[in-house]
Structure formats: C-alpha cells, structure tokens
Amino acid sequence: MDKTSKDIRCFLEKWLHKSVKQYVSEMDGNEKGDLYGLLVCGLEKPLLEIVLEETQGNQTKAANILGINRNTLRKKVQEYRIQCKAKV
C-alpha cells in the first residue's frame, strides 16, 4: 500500500470512527438502527458514480480501479440506477 492509500485509509477510519460514535450515542438503546445499510448505500452509490464519471463511463476501467469484477459493477449500476455519462 502506497503513502496516498495509507493517508486516505487513515482519514476514512478517523471519519468513520467519529461518525459511528456520534450515531450510536444519539440512539436510544431500544431503537433498531440500520447503520450498516445506511453506510453501505450512502458510500457505495456516490463512490461508483464518481469513479464512473472519472473513467468516462468505462465500466471495465472503473471496476479495475474499484477492485471489483466488471459484472459486479454492472449489477450495482443497475441496482442503484446509475446513469453512466461520458465526461465532457
């Protein structure tokens, strides 16, 4: 892992730690939350949209950058109804 990847990972871990602590502390102990679903959906869709935009909609390149299978990316694009727009 290069320095940039480590820096991003460190930033994300700190942000997530702070955000999750705040979410949990504000919940009533009897409340049923959906923290996992909230985080996955809240991060995954914009991540896919940004990478697809930067790759000009090229799903093969985007899947490679994301480290996932192209078919998995296609499934998620359909699931989230993401419009692959070419970068202008």
PDB file of N, CA and C in Angstrom:
ATOM      1  N   MET A   1       0.850  -1.176   0.000  1.00  0.00           N
ATOM      2  CA  MET A   1       0.000   0.000   0.000  1.00  0.00           C
ATOM      3  C   MET A   1       0.900   1.245   0.000  1.00  0.00           C
ATOM      4  N   ASP A   2       0.650   2.164  -0.929  1.00  0.00           N
ATOM      5  CA  ASP A   2       1.480   3.369  -1.009  1.00  0.00           C
ATOM      6  C   ASP A   2       1.028   4.413   0.016  1.00  0.00           C
ATOM      7  N   LYS A   3       1.803   5.494   0.139  1.00  0.00           N
ATOM      8  CA  LYS A   3       1.531   6.528   1.141  1.00  0.00           C
ATOM      9  C   LYS A   3       0.155   7.165   0.951  1.00  0.00           C
ATOM     10  N   THR A   4      -0.222   7.454  -0.283  1.00  0.00           N
ATOM     11  CA  THR A   4      -1.523   8.070  -0.540  1.00  0.00           C
ATOM     12  C   THR A   4      -2.655   7.162  -0.072  1.00  0.00           C
ATOM     13  N   SER A   5      -2.559   5.878  -0.368  1.00  0.00           N
ATOM     14  CA  SER A   5      -3.582   4.923   0.067  1.00  0.00           C
ATOM     15  C   SER A   5      -3.658   4.859   1.586  1.00  0.00           C
ATOM     16  N   LYS A   6      -2.506   4.874   2.245  1.00  0.00           N
ATOM     17  CA  LYS A   6      -2.478   4.845   3.711  1.00  0.00           C
ATOM     18  C   LYS A   6      -3.100   6.107   4.286  1.00  0.00           C
ATOM     19  N   ASP A   7      -2.805   7.260   3.671  1.00  0.00           N
ATOM     20  CA  ASP A   7      -3.368   8.524   4.140  1.00  0.00           C
ATOM     21  C   ASP A   7      -4.891   8.524   3.999  1.00  0.00           C
ATOM     22  N   ILE A   8      -5.370   8.055   2.862  1.00  0.00           N
ATOM     23  CA  ILE A   8      -6.820   8.005   2.629  1.00  0.00           C
ATOM     24  C   ILE A   8      -7.466   7.043   3.619  1.00  0.00           C
ATOM     25  N   ARG A   9      -6.847   5.887   3.814  1.00  0.00           N
ATOM     26  CA  ARG A   9      -7.399   4.895   4.741  1.00  0.00           C
ATOM     27  C   ARG A   9      -7.455   5.463   6.159  1.00  0.00           C
ATOM     28  N   CYS A  10      -6.400   6.143   6.575  1.00  0.00           N
ATOM     29  CA  CYS A  10      -6.347   6.739   7.910  1.00  0.00           C
ATOM     30  C   CYS A  10      -7.449   7.791   8.066  1.00  0.00           C
ATOM     31  N   PHE A  11      -7.593   8.653   7.058  1.00  0.00           N
ATOM     32  CA  PHE A  11      -8.639   9.676   7.081  1.00  0.00           C
ATOM     33  C   PHE A  11     -10.022   9.029   7.187  1.00  0.00           C
ATOM     34  N   LEU A  12     -10.272   8.020   6.361  1.00  0.00           N
ATOM     35  CA  LEU A  12     -11.584   7.362   6.365  1.00  0.00           C
ATOM     36  C   LEU A  12     -11.871   6.679   7.695  1.00  0.00           C
ATOM     37  N   GLU A  13     -10.860   6.039   8.273  1.00  0.00           N
ATOM     38  CA  GLU A  13     -11.045   5.365   9.559  1.00  0.00           C
ATOM     39  C   GLU A  13     -11.385   6.370  10.662  1.00  0.00           C
ATOM     40  N   LYS A  14     -10.697   7.505  10.671  1.00  0.00           N
ATOM     41  CA  LYS A  14     -10.975   8.535  11.681  1.00  0.00           C
ATOM     42  C   LYS A  14     -12.373   9.117  11.492  1.00  0.00           C
ATOM     43  N   TRP A  15     -12.721   9.405  10.236  1.00  0.00           N
ATOM     44  CA  TRP A  15     -14.049   9.948   9.947  1.00  0.00           C
ATOM     45  C   TRP A  15     -15.134   8.959  10.354  1.00  0.00           C
ATOM     46  N   LEU A  16     -14.948   7.695   9.995  1.00  0.00           N
ATOM     47  CA  LEU A  16     -15.937   6.673  10.304  1.00  0.00           C
ATOM     48  C   LEU A  16     -16.067   6.490  11.809  1.00  0.00           C
ATOM     49  N   HIS A  17     -14.953   6.449  12.503  1.00  0.00           N
ATOM     50  CA  HIS A  17     -14.970   6.279  13.958  1.00  0.00           C
ATOM     51  C   HIS A  17     -15.782   7.388  14.614  1.00  0.00           C
ATOM     52  N   LYS A  18     -15.509   8.627  14.230  1.00  0.00           N
ATOM     53  CA  LYS A  18     -16.228   9.781  14.794  1.00  0.00           C
ATOM     54  C   LYS A  18     -17.718   9.710  14.461  1.00  0.00           C
ATOM     55  N   SER A  19     -18.041   9.418  13.213  1.00  0.00           N
ATOM     56  CA  SER A  19     -19.432   9.384  12.761  1.00  0.00           C
ATOM     57  C   SER A  19     -20.223   8.267  13.433  1.00  0.00           C
ATOM     58  N   VAL A  20     -19.633   7.088  13.532  1.00  0.00           N
ATOM     59  CA  VAL A  20     -20.337   5.949  14.137  1.00  0.00           C
ATOM     60  C   VAL A  20     -20.544   6.193  15.626  1.00  0.00           C
ATOM     61  N   LYS A  21     -19.528   6.722  16.307  1.00  0.00           N
ATOM     62  CA  LYS A  21     -19.677   7.029  17.736  1.00  0.00           C
ATOM     63  C   LYS A  21     -20.825   8.006  17.955  1.00  0.00           C
ATOM     64  N   GLN A  22     -20.918   9.025  17.120  1.00  0.00           N
ATOM     65  CA  GLN A  22     -21.981  10.013  17.250  1.00  0.00           C
ATOM     66  C   GLN A  22     -23.345   9.361  17.002  1.00  0.00           C
ATOM     67  N   TYR A  23     -23.444   8.543  15.954  1.00  0.00           N
ATOM     68  CA  TYR A  23     -24.704   7.870  15.614  1.00  0.00           C
ATOM     69  C   TYR A  23     -25.160   6.984  16.771  1.00  0.00           C
ATOM     70  N   VAL A  24     -24.242   6.172  17.301  1.00  0.00           N
ATOM     71  CA  VAL A  24     -24.577   5.238  18.376  1.00  0.00           C
ATOM     72  C   VAL A  24     -24.953   5.985  19.647  1.00  0.00           C
ATOM     73  N   SER A  25     -24.224   7.049  19.977  1.00  0.00           N
ATOM     74  CA  SER A  25     -24.515   7.783  21.207  1.00  0.00           C
ATOM     75  C   SER A  25     -25.874   8.489  21.154  1.00  0.00           C
ATOM     76  N   GLU A  26     -26.334   8.824  19.960  1.00  0.00           N
ATOM     77  CA  GLU A  26     -27.619   9.502  19.817  1.00  0.00           C
ATOM     78  C   GLU A  26     -28.800   8.546  19.738  1.00  0.00           C
ATOM     79  N   MET A  27     -28.515   7.253  19.610  1.00  0.00           N
ATOM     80  CA  MET A  27     -29.600   6.274  19.516  1.00  0.00           C
ATOM     81  C   MET A  27     -30.105   5.885  20.898  1.00  0.00           C
ATOM     82  N   ASP A  28     -31.389   5.666  20.994  1.00  0.00           N
ATOM     83  CA  ASP A  28     -31.981   5.098  22.190  1.00  0.00           C
ATOM     84  C   ASP A  28     -31.590   3.622  22.175  1.00  0.00           C
ATOM     85  N   GLY A  29     -31.235   3.076  23.301  1.00  0.00           N
ATOM     86  CA  GLY A  29     -30.795   1.683  23.384  1.00  0.00           C
ATOM     87  C   GLY A  29     -31.794   0.682  22.845  1.00  0.00           C
ATOM     88  N   ASN A  30     -33.060   1.031  22.800  1.00  0.00           N
ATOM     89  CA  ASN A  30     -34.108   0.124  22.326  1.00  0.00           C
ATOM     90  C   ASN A  30     -34.426   0.316  20.852  1.00  0.00           C
ATOM     91  N   GLU A  31     -33.870   1.357  20.280  1.00  0.00           N
ATOM     92  CA  GLU A  31     -34.126   1.678  18.876  1.00  0.00           C
ATOM     93  C   GLU A  31     -33.445   0.664  17.959  1.00  0.00           C
ATOM     94  N   LYS A  32     -34.123   0.305  16.879  1.00  0.00           N
ATOM     95  CA  LYS A  32     -33.498  -0.559  15.878  1.00  0.00           C
ATOM     96  C   LYS A  32     -32.916   0.336  14.803  1.00  0.00           C
ATOM     97  N   GLY A  33     -31.630   0.228  14.593  1.00  0.00           N
ATOM     98  CA  GLY A  33     -30.964   1.052  13.599  1.00  0.00           C
ATOM     99  C   GLY A  33     -30.658   0.270  12.338  1.00  0.00           C
ATOM    100  N   ASP A  34     -30.186   0.975  11.360  1.00  0.00           N
ATOM    101  CA  ASP A  34     -29.769   0.355  10.103  1.00  0.00           C
ATOM    102  C   ASP A  34     -28.436   0.979   9.694  1.00  0.00           C
ATOM    103  N   LEU A  35     -27.515   1.013  10.645  1.00  0.00           N
ATOM    104  CA  LEU A  35     -26.245   1.669  10.416  1.00  0.00           C
ATOM    105  C   LEU A  35     -25.491   1.041   9.250  1.00  0.00           C
ATOM    106  N   TYR A  36     -25.453  -0.266   9.191  1.00  0.00           N
ATOM    107  CA  TYR A  36     -24.731  -0.943   8.111  1.00  0.00           C
ATOM    108  C   TYR A  36     -25.311  -0.561   6.750  1.00  0.00           C
ATOM    109  N   GLY A  37     -26.613  -0.685   6.599  1.00  0.00           N
ATOM    110  CA  GLY A  37     -27.264  -0.351   5.333  1.00  0.00           C
ATOM    111  C   GLY A  37     -27.108   1.115   4.978  1.00  0.00           C
ATOM    112  N   LEU A  38     -27.210   1.972   5.995  1.00  0.00           N
ATOM    113  CA  LEU A  38     -27.048   3.405   5.791  1.00  0.00           C
ATOM    114  C   LEU A  38     -25.654   3.728   5.256  1.00  0.00           C
ATOM    115  N   LEU A  39     -24.637   3.141   5.853  1.00  0.00           N
ATOM    116  CA  LEU A  39     -23.265   3.395   5.412  1.00  0.00           C
ATOM    117  C   LEU A  39     -22.980   2.810   4.032  1.00  0.00           C
ATOM    118  N   VAL A  40     -23.400   1.582   3.815  1.00  0.00           N
ATOM    119  CA  VAL A  40     -23.127   0.940   2.529  1.00  0.00           C
ATOM    120  C   VAL A  40     -23.776   1.715   1.386  1.00  0.00           C
ATOM    121  N   CYS A  41     -25.044   2.013   1.524  1.00  0.00           N
ATOM    122  CA  CYS A  41     -25.745   2.730   0.462  1.00  0.00           C
ATOM    123  C   CYS A  41     -25.233   4.161   0.338  1.00  0.00           C
ATOM    124  N   GLY A  42     -24.990   4.794   1.474  1.00  0.00           N
ATOM    125  CA  GLY A  42     -24.544   6.177   1.466  1.00  0.00           C
ATOM    126  C   GLY A  42     -23.165   6.383   0.879  1.00  0.00           C
ATOM    127  N   LEU A  43     -22.337   5.357   0.918  1.00  0.00           N
ATOM    128  CA  LEU A  43     -20.982   5.459   0.377  1.00  0.00           C
ATOM    129  C   LEU A  43     -20.844   4.808  -0.994  1.00  0.00           C
ATOM    130  N   GLU A  44     -21.492   3.669  -1.172  1.00  0.00           N
ATOM    131  CA  GLU A  44     -21.284   2.894  -2.387  1.00  0.00           C
ATOM    132  C   GLU A  44     -21.782   3.609  -3.642  1.00  0.00           C
ATOM    133  N   LYS A  45     -22.992   4.135  -3.610  1.00  0.00           N
ATOM    134  CA  LYS A  45     -23.537   4.767  -4.810  1.00  0.00           C
ATOM    135  C   LYS A  45     -22.699   5.968  -5.250  1.00  0.00           C
ATOM    136  N   PRO A  46     -22.397   6.920  -4.356  1.00  0.00           N
ATOM    137  CA  PRO A  46     -21.580   8.055  -4.809  1.00  0.00           C
ATOM    138  C   PRO A  46     -20.180   7.629  -5.251  1.00  0.00           C
ATOM    139  N   LEU A  47     -19.619   6.617  -4.593  1.00  0.00           N
ATOM    140  CA  LEU A  47     -18.301   6.117  -4.992  1.00  0.00           C
ATOM    141  C   LEU A  47     -18.338   5.598  -6.423  1.00  0.00           C
ATOM    142  N   LEU A  48     -19.331   4.801  -6.729  1.00  0.00           N
ATOM    143  CA  LEU A  48     -19.469   4.256  -8.080  1.00  0.00           C
ATOM    144  C   LEU A  48     -19.689   5.369  -9.095  1.00  0.00           C
ATOM    145  N   GLU A  49     -20.530   6.334  -8.748  1.00  0.00           N
ATOM    146  CA  GLU A  49     -20.811   7.446  -9.660  1.00  0.00           C
ATOM    147  C   GLU A  49     -19.545   8.257  -9.952  1.00  0.00           C
ATOM    148  N   ILE A  50     -18.769   8.542  -8.924  1.00  0.00           N
ATOM    149  CA  ILE A  50     -17.550   9.335  -9.100  1.00  0.00           C
ATOM    150  C   ILE A  50     -16.541   8.602  -9.974  1.00  0.00           C
ATOM    151  N   VAL A  51     -16.316   7.323  -9.686  1.00  0.00           N
ATOM    152  CA  VAL A  51     -15.332   6.555 -10.459  1.00  0.00           C
ATOM    153  C   VAL A  51     -15.797   6.395 -11.902  1.00  0.00           C
ATOM    154  N   LEU A  52     -17.071   6.149 -12.109  1.00  0.00           N
ATOM    155  CA  LEU A  52     -17.592   6.034 -13.475  1.00  0.00           C
ATOM    156  C   LEU A  52     -17.475   7.362 -14.223  1.00  0.00           C
ATOM    157  N   GLU A  53     -17.708   8.453 -13.532  1.00  0.00           N
ATOM    158  CA  GLU A  53     -17.567   9.760 -14.170  1.00  0.00           C
ATOM    159  C   GLU A  53     -16.115   9.988 -14.582  1.00  0.00           C
ATOM    160  N   GLU A  54     -15.189   9.659 -13.701  1.00  0.00           N
ATOM    161  CA  GLU A  54     -13.773   9.883 -13.977  1.00  0.00           C
ATOM    162  C   GLU A  54     -13.231   8.954 -15.069  1.00  0.00           C
ATOM    163  N   THR A  55     -13.877   7.805 -15.249  1.00  0.00           N
ATOM    164  CA  THR A  55     -13.461   6.876 -16.308  1.00  0.00           C
ATOM    165  C   THR A  55     -14.314   7.044 -17.557  1.00  0.00           C
ATOM    166  N   GLN A  56     -15.068   8.143 -17.599  1.00  0.00           N
ATOM    167  CA  GLN A  56     -15.930   8.472 -18.734  1.00  0.00           C
ATOM    168  C   GLN A  56     -16.923   7.348 -19.037  1.00  0.00           C
ATOM    169  N   GLY A  57     -17.409   6.708 -17.971  1.00  0.00           N
ATOM    170  CA  GLY A  57     -18.406   5.652 -18.113  1.00  0.00           C
ATOM    171  C   GLY A  57     -17.846   4.296 -18.491  1.00  0.00           C
ATOM    172  N   ASN A  58     -16.529   4.162 -18.568  1.00  0.00           N
ATOM    173  CA  ASN A  58     -15.912   2.892 -18.932  1.00  0.00           C
ATOM    174  C   ASN A  58     -15.969   1.953 -17.725  1.00  0.00           C
ATOM    175  N   GLN A  59     -16.875   0.996 -17.788  1.00  0.00           N
ATOM    176  CA  GLN A  59     -17.107   0.099 -16.655  1.00  0.00           C
ATOM    177  C   GLN A  59     -15.937  -0.839 -16.390  1.00  0.00           C
ATOM    178  N   THR A  60     -15.211  -1.205 -17.412  1.00  0.00           N
ATOM    179  CA  THR A  60     -14.047  -2.079 -17.220  1.00  0.00           C
ATOM    180  C   THR A  60     -12.971  -1.337 -16.427  1.00  0.00           C
ATOM    181  N   LYS A  61     -12.684  -0.091 -16.827  1.00  0.00           N
ATOM    182  CA  LYS A  61     -11.691   0.712 -16.100  1.00  0.00           C
ATOM    183  C   LYS A  61     -12.168   0.997 -14.672  1.00  0.00           C
ATOM    184  N   ALA A  62     -13.434   1.337 -14.536  1.00  0.00           N
ATOM    185  CA  ALA A  62     -13.984   1.643 -13.219  1.00  0.00           C
ATOM    186  C   ALA A  62     -13.900   0.432 -12.287  1.00  0.00           C
ATOM    187  N   ALA A  63     -14.258  -0.734 -12.794  1.00  0.00           N
ATOM    188  CA  ALA A  63     -14.191  -1.952 -11.986  1.00  0.00           C
ATOM    189  C   ALA A  63     -12.751  -2.235 -11.565  1.00  0.00           C
ATOM    190  N   ASN A  64     -11.818  -2.000 -12.466  1.00  0.00           N
ATOM    191  CA  ASN A  64     -10.409  -2.205 -12.154  1.00  0.00           C
ATOM    192  C   ASN A  64      -9.955  -1.272 -11.032  1.00  0.00           C
ATOM    193  N   ILE A  65     -10.330   0.003 -11.121  1.00  0.00           N
ATOM    194  CA  ILE A  65      -9.971   0.981 -10.085  1.00  0.00           C
ATOM    195  C   ILE A  65     -10.602   0.606  -8.746  1.00  0.00           C
ATOM    196  N   LEU A  66     -11.848   0.175  -8.792  1.00  0.00           N
ATOM    197  CA  LEU A  66     -12.571  -0.188  -7.572  1.00  0.00           C
ATOM    198  C   LEU A  66     -12.108  -1.523  -6.990  1.00  0.00           C
ATOM    199  N   GLY A  67     -11.475  -2.349  -7.830  1.00  0.00           N
ATOM    200  CA  GLY A  67     -11.036  -3.663  -7.369  1.00  0.00           C
ATOM    201  C   GLY A  67     -12.166  -4.668  -7.278  1.00  0.00           C
ATOM    202  N   ILE A  68     -13.166  -4.486  -8.146  1.00  0.00           N
ATOM    203  CA  ILE A  68     -14.290  -5.423  -8.180  1.00  0.00           C
ATOM    204  C   ILE A  68     -14.453  -5.961  -9.597  1.00  0.00           C
ATOM    205  N   ASN A  69     -15.209  -7.042  -9.716  1.00  0.00           N
ATOM    206  CA  ASN A  69     -15.481  -7.644 -11.012  1.00  0.00           C
ATOM    207  C   ASN A  69     -16.397  -6.730 -11.826  1.00  0.00           C
ATOM    208  N   ARG A  70     -16.177  -6.680 -13.135  1.00  0.00           N
ATOM    209  CA  ARG A  70     -16.991  -5.838 -14.014  1.00  0.00           C
ATOM    210  C   ARG A  70     -18.470  -6.201 -13.927  1.00  0.00           C
ATOM    211  N   ASN A  71     -18.764  -7.475 -13.834  1.00  0.00           N
ATOM    212  CA  ASN A  71     -20.172  -7.890 -13.729  1.00  0.00           C
ATOM    213  C   ASN A  71     -20.799  -7.419 -12.417  1.00  0.00           C
ATOM    214  N   THR A  72     -20.000  -7.410 -11.351  1.00  0.00           N
ATOM    215  CA  THR A  72     -20.481  -6.892 -10.073  1.00  0.00           C
ATOM    216  C   THR A  72     -20.798  -5.411 -10.203  1.00  0.00           C
ATOM    217  N   LEU A  73     -19.920  -4.672 -10.883  1.00  0.00           N
ATOM    218  CA  LEU A  73     -20.154  -3.252 -11.105  1.00  0.00           C
ATOM    219  C   LEU A  73     -21.424  -3.041 -11.918  1.00  0.00           C
ATOM    220  N   ARG A  74     -21.604  -3.808 -12.980  1.00  0.00           N
ATOM    221  CA  ARG A  74     -22.817  -3.679 -13.808  1.00  0.00           C
ATOM    222  C   ARG A  74     -24.080  -3.905 -12.973  1.00  0.00           C
ATOM    223  N   LYS A  75     -24.030  -4.908 -12.109  1.00  0.00           N
ATOM    224  CA  LYS A  75     -25.173  -5.219 -11.246  1.00  0.00           C
ATOM    225  C   LYS A  75     -25.477  -4.037 -10.320  1.00  0.00           C
ATOM    226  N   LYS A  76     -24.436  -3.446  -9.754  1.00  0.00           N
ATOM    227  CA  LYS A  76     -24.621  -2.321  -8.851  1.00  0.00           C
ATOM    228  C   LYS A  76     -25.101  -1.075  -9.593  1.00  0.00           C
ATOM    229  N   VAL A  77     -24.627  -0.874 -10.816  1.00  0.00           N
ATOM    230  CA  VAL A  77     -25.086   0.251 -11.635  1.00  0.00           C
ATOM    231  C   VAL A  77     -26.588   0.119 -11.873  1.00  0.00           C
ATOM    232  N   GLN A  78     -27.041  -1.081 -12.164  1.00  0.00           N
ATOM    233  CA  GLN A  78     -28.470  -1.319 -12.368  1.00  0.00           C
ATOM    234  C   GLN A  78     -29.245  -1.169 -11.057  1.00  0.00           C
ATOM    235  N   GLU A  79     -28.693  -1.727  -9.985  1.00  0.00           N
ATOM    236  CA  GLU A  79     -29.346  -1.679  -8.674  1.00  0.00           C
ATOM    237  C   GLU A  79     -29.570  -0.240  -8.208  1.00  0.00           C
ATOM    238  N   TYR A  80     -28.554   0.599  -8.363  1.00  0.00           N
ATOM    239  CA  TYR A  80     -28.642   1.992  -7.927  1.00  0.00           C
ATOM    240  C   TYR A  80     -29.175   2.922  -9.017  1.00  0.00           C
ATOM    241  N   ARG A  81     -29.468   2.363 -10.187  1.00  0.00           N
ATOM    242  CA  ARG A  81     -29.979   3.133 -11.335  1.00  0.00           C
ATOM    243  C   ARG A  81     -29.042   4.309 -11.663  1.00  0.00           C
ATOM    244  N   ILE A  82     -27.773   3.978 -11.778  1.00  0.00           N
ATOM    245  CA  ILE A  82     -26.761   4.984 -12.078  1.00  0.00           C
ATOM    246  C   ILE A  82     -26.702   5.184 -13.585  1.00  0.00           C
ATOM    247  N   GLN A  83     -26.756   6.436 -13.991  1.00  0.00           N
ATOM    248  CA  GLN A  83     -26.619   6.776 -15.401  1.00  0.00           C
ATOM    249  C   GLN A  83     -25.126   7.007 -15.696  1.00  0.00           C
ATOM    250  N   CYS A  84     -24.565   6.216 -16.576  1.00  0.00           N
ATOM    251  CA  CYS A  84     -23.155   6.372 -16.948  1.00  0.00           C
ATOM    252  C   CYS A  84     -23.058   7.437 -18.026  1.00  0.00           C
ATOM    253  N   LYS A  85     -22.591   8.599 -17.628  1.00  0.00           N
ATOM    254  CA  LYS A  85     -22.473   9.715 -18.553  1.00  0.00           C
ATOM    255  C   LYS A  85     -21.027   9.888 -18.957  1.00  0.00           C
ATOM    256  N   ALA A  86     -20.808  10.178 -20.202  1.00  0.00           N
ATOM    257  CA  ALA A  86     -19.453  10.446 -20.682  1.00  0.00           C
ATOM    258  C   ALA A  86     -19.012  11.803 -20.163  1.00  0.00           C
ATOM    259  N   LYS A  87     -17.762  11.883 -19.733  1.00  0.00           N
ATOM    260  CA  LYS A  87     -17.189  13.135 -19.240  1.00  0.00           C
ATOM    261  C   LYS A  87     -16.999  14.093 -20.408  1.00  0.00           C
ATOM    262  N   VAL A  88     -17.422  15.336 -20.223  1.00  0.00           N
ATOM    263  CA  VAL A  88     -17.336  16.334 -21.288  1.00  0.00           C
ATOM    264  C   VAL A  88     -16.147  17.239 -21.064  1.00  0.00           C
TER     265      VAL A  88
END
